[in-house]
Structures are given as structure tokens and as C-alpha cells.
Amino acid sequence: MQVNYFVIGVVILLGLALLIFLILRNRKDEKDFEKDQLDDNDITNPQDPSKD
């Protein structure tokens, strides 16, 4: 049985590219989520209705 190293190399390269893509996308989504959480002050600092 012969091993085709070119095909194995391409598969490994595509797998690494997919892994890097997913990591970068996760970081971007995490930053967006944290930004949304910081902008949402109504939930983190609810106002007292009796002060209105």
C-alpha cells in the first residue's frame, strides 16, 4: 500500500486553516459579546422605580 503524502499534506493544511479560522472568528464574536454587555447598562445597573 502506497501512501500519498501530497494528499495527506493538503488535508492537514486544510484542517489547520479551518482551525485558525474558527479561533479567529470566536475571538471576534467574544469581543462583540463583551462590547454588547458593556453597552447594556439597564440590566447591569437597574434603576430603582421609587426614585422616578
PDB file of N, CA and C in Angstrom:
ATOM      1  N   MET A   1       0.841  -1.181   0.000  1.00  0.00           N
ATOM      2  CA  MET A   1       0.000   0.000   0.000  1.00  0.00           C
ATOM      3  C   MET A   1       0.890   1.250   0.000  1.00  0.00           C
ATOM      4  N   GLN A   2       0.650   2.134  -0.944  1.00  0.00           N
ATOM      5  CA  GLN A   2       1.441   3.350  -1.041  1.00  0.00           C
ATOM      6  C   GLN A   2       0.732   4.508  -0.331  1.00  0.00           C
ATOM      7  N   VAL A   3       1.531   5.340   0.290  1.00  0.00           N
ATOM      8  CA  VAL A   3       0.998   6.495   0.991  1.00  0.00           C
ATOM      9  C   VAL A   3       1.208   7.715   0.108  1.00  0.00           C
ATOM     10  N   ASN A   4       0.119   8.450  -0.134  1.00  0.00           N
ATOM     11  CA  ASN A   4       0.208   9.653  -0.946  1.00  0.00           C
ATOM     12  C   ASN A   4       0.409  10.840   0.000  1.00  0.00           C
ATOM     13  N   TYR A   5       1.661  11.252   0.148  1.00  0.00           N
ATOM     14  CA  TYR A   5       2.000  12.310   1.097  1.00  0.00           C
ATOM     15  C   TYR A   5       1.437  13.664   0.672  1.00  0.00           C
ATOM     16  N   PHE A   6       1.265  13.877  -0.618  1.00  0.00           N
ATOM     17  CA  PHE A   6       0.702  15.128  -1.089  1.00  0.00           C
ATOM     18  C   PHE A   6      -0.737  15.300  -0.589  1.00  0.00           C
ATOM     19  N   VAL A   7      -1.542  14.274  -0.686  1.00  0.00           N
ATOM     20  CA  VAL A   7      -2.937  14.333  -0.236  1.00  0.00           C
ATOM     21  C   VAL A   7      -2.990  14.511   1.278  1.00  0.00           C
ATOM     22  N   ILE A   8      -2.154  13.816   2.002  1.00  0.00           N
ATOM     23  CA  ILE A   8      -2.111  13.954   3.462  1.00  0.00           C
ATOM     24  C   ILE A   8      -1.714  15.379   3.835  1.00  0.00           C
ATOM     25  N   GLY A   9      -0.751  15.942   3.134  1.00  0.00           N
ATOM     26  CA  GLY A   9      -0.326  17.321   3.389  1.00  0.00           C
ATOM     27  C   GLY A   9      -1.441  18.324   3.135  1.00  0.00           C
ATOM     28  N   VAL A  10      -2.179  18.132   2.057  1.00  0.00           N
ATOM     29  CA  VAL A  10      -3.288  19.036   1.737  1.00  0.00           C
ATOM     30  C   VAL A  10      -4.372  18.934   2.796  1.00  0.00           C
ATOM     31  N   VAL A  11      -4.696  17.742   3.235  1.00  0.00           N
ATOM     32  CA  VAL A  11      -5.727  17.551   4.262  1.00  0.00           C
ATOM     33  C   VAL A  11      -5.293  18.202   5.574  1.00  0.00           C
ATOM     34  N   ILE A  12      -4.054  18.043   5.966  1.00  0.00           N
ATOM     35  CA  ILE A  12      -3.552  18.660   7.198  1.00  0.00           C
ATOM     36  C   ILE A  12      -3.570  20.179   7.072  1.00  0.00           C
ATOM     37  N   LEU A  13      -3.165  20.694   5.916  1.00  0.00           N
ATOM     38  CA  LEU A  13      -3.172  22.137   5.691  1.00  0.00           C
ATOM     39  C   LEU A  13      -4.590  22.705   5.761  1.00  0.00           C
ATOM     40  N   LEU A  14      -5.557  22.037   5.156  1.00  0.00           N
ATOM     41  CA  LEU A  14      -6.945  22.487   5.216  1.00  0.00           C
ATOM     42  C   LEU A  14      -7.489  22.413   6.643  1.00  0.00           C
ATOM     43  N   GLY A  15      -7.109  21.384   7.372  1.00  0.00           N
ATOM     44  CA  GLY A  15      -7.535  21.271   8.765  1.00  0.00           C
ATOM     45  C   GLY A  15      -6.986  22.398   9.625  1.00  0.00           C
ATOM     46  N   LEU A  16      -5.728  22.756   9.429  1.00  0.00           N
ATOM     47  CA  LEU A  16      -5.136  23.867  10.170  1.00  0.00           C
ATOM     48  C   LEU A  16      -5.793  25.191   9.799  1.00  0.00           C
ATOM     49  N   ALA A  17      -6.092  25.375   8.516  1.00  0.00           N
ATOM     50  CA  ALA A  17      -6.753  26.602   8.074  1.00  0.00           C
ATOM     51  C   ALA A  17      -8.140  26.720   8.709  1.00  0.00           C
ATOM     52  N   LEU A  18      -8.860  25.628   8.774  1.00  0.00           N
ATOM     53  CA  LEU A  18     -10.179  25.630   9.413  1.00  0.00           C
ATOM     54  C   LEU A  18     -10.061  25.940  10.899  1.00  0.00           C
ATOM     55  N   LEU A  19      -9.104  25.370  11.560  1.00  0.00           N
ATOM     56  CA  LEU A  19      -8.895  25.607  12.989  1.00  0.00           C
ATOM     57  C   LEU A  19      -8.557  27.076  13.257  1.00  0.00           C
ATOM     58  N   ILE A  20      -7.670  27.640  12.468  1.00  0.00           N
ATOM     59  CA  ILE A  20      -7.309  29.054  12.638  1.00  0.00           C
ATOM     60  C   ILE A  20      -8.510  29.947  12.363  1.00  0.00           C
ATOM     61  N   PHE A  21      -9.287  29.632  11.339  1.00  0.00           N
ATOM     62  CA  PHE A  21     -10.484  30.407  11.019  1.00  0.00           C
ATOM     63  C   PHE A  21     -11.473  30.395  12.182  1.00  0.00           C
ATOM     64  N   LEU A  22     -11.702  29.230  12.764  1.00  0.00           N
ATOM     65  CA  LEU A  22     -12.655  29.126  13.875  1.00  0.00           C
ATOM     66  C   LEU A  22     -12.169  29.868  15.110  1.00  0.00           C
ATOM     67  N   ILE A  23     -10.879  29.819  15.395  1.00  0.00           N
ATOM     68  CA  ILE A  23     -10.328  30.527  16.553  1.00  0.00           C
ATOM     69  C   ILE A  23     -10.465  32.033  16.365  1.00  0.00           C
ATOM     70  N   LEU A  24     -10.131  32.545  15.191  1.00  0.00           N
ATOM     71  CA  LEU A  24     -10.236  33.979  14.938  1.00  0.00           C
ATOM     72  C   LEU A  24     -11.686  34.446  14.984  1.00  0.00           C
ATOM     73  N   ARG A  25     -12.579  33.650  14.446  1.00  0.00           N
ATOM     74  CA  ARG A  25     -13.999  34.011  14.463  1.00  0.00           C
ATOM     75  C   ARG A  25     -14.539  34.014  15.887  1.00  0.00           C
ATOM     76  N   ASN A  26     -14.107  33.069  16.705  1.00  0.00           N
ATOM     77  CA  ASN A  26     -14.553  33.006  18.093  1.00  0.00           C
ATOM     78  C   ASN A  26     -14.068  34.228  18.866  1.00  0.00           C
ATOM     79  N   ARG A  27     -12.840  34.658  18.626  1.00  0.00           N
ATOM     80  CA  ARG A  27     -12.318  35.848  19.307  1.00  0.00           C
ATOM     81  C   ARG A  27     -13.118  37.081  18.930  1.00  0.00           C
ATOM     82  N   LYS A  28     -13.463  37.203  17.645  1.00  0.00           N
ATOM     83  CA  LYS A  28     -14.243  38.347  17.184  1.00  0.00           C
ATOM     84  C   LYS A  28     -15.623  38.329  17.830  1.00  0.00           C
ATOM     85  N   ASP A  29     -16.267  37.180  17.844  1.00  0.00           N
ATOM     86  CA  ASP A  29     -17.591  37.076  18.444  1.00  0.00           C
ATOM     87  C   ASP A  29     -17.547  37.363  19.941  1.00  0.00           C
ATOM     88  N   GLU A  30     -16.483  36.931  20.596  1.00  0.00           N
ATOM     89  CA  GLU A  30     -16.345  37.168  22.034  1.00  0.00           C
ATOM     90  C   GLU A  30     -16.179  38.660  22.321  1.00  0.00           C
ATOM     91  N   LYS A  31     -15.405  39.361  21.495  1.00  0.00           N
ATOM     92  CA  LYS A  31     -15.236  40.807  21.669  1.00  0.00           C
ATOM     93  C   LYS A  31     -16.561  41.532  21.450  1.00  0.00           C
ATOM     94  N   ASP A  32     -17.312  41.128  20.430  1.00  0.00           N
ATOM     95  CA  ASP A  32     -18.610  41.742  20.171  1.00  0.00           C
ATOM     96  C   ASP A  32     -19.567  41.503  21.334  1.00  0.00           C
ATOM     97  N   PHE A  33     -19.542  40.308  21.892  1.00  0.00           N
ATOM     98  CA  PHE A  33     -20.403  39.974  23.024  1.00  0.00           C
ATOM     99  C   PHE A  33     -20.053  40.828  24.235  1.00  0.00           C
ATOM    100  N   GLU A  34     -18.767  40.967  24.530  1.00  0.00           N
ATOM    101  CA  GLU A  34     -18.350  41.780  25.671  1.00  0.00           C
ATOM    102  C   GLU A  34     -18.735  43.244  25.461  1.00  0.00           C
ATOM    103  N   LYS A  35     -18.610  43.736  24.232  1.00  0.00           N
ATOM    104  CA  LYS A  35     -18.994  45.111  23.936  1.00  0.00           C
ATOM    105  C   LYS A  35     -20.490  45.300  24.155  1.00  0.00           C
ATOM    106  N   ASP A  36     -21.291  44.346  23.716  1.00  0.00           N
ATOM    107  CA  ASP A  36     -22.742  44.429  23.922  1.00  0.00           C
ATOM    108  C   ASP A  36     -23.090  44.397  25.403  1.00  0.00           C
ATOM    109  N   GLN A  37     -22.376  43.616  26.172  1.00  0.00           N
ATOM    110  CA  GLN A  37     -22.642  43.536  27.606  1.00  0.00           C
ATOM    111  C   GLN A  37     -22.303  44.846  28.304  1.00  0.00           C
ATOM    112  N   LEU A  38     -21.231  45.503  27.876  1.00  0.00           N
ATOM    113  CA  LEU A  38     -20.848  46.769  28.479  1.00  0.00           C
ATOM    114  C   LEU A  38     -21.825  47.888  28.099  1.00  0.00           C
ATOM    115  N   ASP A  39     -22.378  47.833  26.896  1.00  0.00           N
ATOM    116  CA  ASP A  39     -23.315  48.852  26.439  1.00  0.00           C
ATOM    117  C   ASP A  39     -24.689  48.706  27.075  1.00  0.00           C
ATOM    118  N   ASP A  40     -25.005  47.541  27.577  1.00  0.00           N
ATOM    119  CA  ASP A  40     -26.333  47.270  28.136  1.00  0.00           C
ATOM    120  C   ASP A  40     -26.328  47.589  29.631  1.00  0.00           C
ATOM    121  N   ASN A  41     -26.502  48.853  29.970  1.00  0.00           N
ATOM    122  CA  ASN A  41     -26.451  49.273  31.368  1.00  0.00           C
ATOM    123  C   ASN A  41     -27.763  49.048  32.104  1.00  0.00           C
ATOM    124  N   ASP A  42     -28.872  48.890  31.412  1.00  0.00           N
ATOM    125  CA  ASP A  42     -30.157  48.703  32.075  1.00  0.00           C
ATOM    126  C   ASP A  42     -30.211  47.398  32.853  1.00  0.00           C
ATOM    127  N   ILE A  43     -29.566  46.395  32.348  1.00  0.00           N
ATOM    128  CA  ILE A  43     -29.596  45.102  33.028  1.00  0.00           C
ATOM    129  C   ILE A  43     -28.568  45.063  34.161  1.00  0.00           C
ATOM    130  N   THR A  44     -27.397  45.605  33.925  1.00  0.00           N
ATOM    131  CA  THR A  44     -26.346  45.535  34.935  1.00  0.00           C
ATOM    132  C   THR A  44     -26.595  46.519  36.077  1.00  0.00           C
ATOM    133  N   ASN A  45     -27.208  47.675  35.787  1.00  0.00           N
ATOM    134  CA  ASN A  45     -27.472  48.695  36.810  1.00  0.00           C
ATOM    135  C   ASN A  45     -28.949  49.086  36.773  1.00  0.00           C
ATOM    136  N   PRO A  46     -29.814  48.231  37.274  1.00  0.00           N
ATOM    137  CA  PRO A  46     -31.250  48.572  37.226  1.00  0.00           C
ATOM    138  C   PRO A  46     -31.524  49.775  38.124  1.00  0.00           C
ATOM    139  N   GLN A  47     -32.406  50.623  37.645  1.00  0.00           N
ATOM    140  CA  GLN A  47     -32.764  51.800  38.418  1.00  0.00           C
ATOM    141  C   GLN A  47     -33.907  51.472  39.371  1.00  0.00           C
ATOM    142  N   ASP A  48     -33.913  52.158  40.476  1.00  0.00           N
ATOM    143  CA  ASP A  48     -34.952  51.969  41.482  1.00  0.00           C
ATOM    144  C   ASP A  48     -36.218  52.676  41.021  1.00  0.00           C
ATOM    145  N   PRO A  49     -37.330  51.958  40.844  1.00  0.00           N
ATOM    146  CA  PRO A  49     -38.553  52.588  40.336  1.00  0.00           C
ATOM    147  C   PRO A  49     -39.115  53.625  41.309  1.00  0.00           C
ATOM    148  N   SER A  50     -38.798  53.540  42.577  1.00  0.00           N
ATOM    149  CA  SER A  50     -39.340  54.504  43.544  1.00  0.00           C
ATOM    150  C   SER A  50     -38.668  55.869  43.414  1.00  0.00           C
ATOM    151  N   LYS A  51     -37.526  55.952  42.756  1.00  0.00           N
ATOM    152  CA  LYS A  51     -36.822  57.228  42.585  1.00  0.00           C
ATOM    153  C   LYS A  51     -37.384  58.038  41.424  1.00  0.00           C
ATOM    154  N   ASP A  52     -38.206  57.433  40.588  1.00  0.00           N
ATOM    155  CA  ASP A  52     -38.775  58.153  39.435  1.00  0.00           C
ATOM    156  C   ASP A  52     -39.817  59.076  39.841  1.00  0.00           C
TER     157      ASP A  52
END
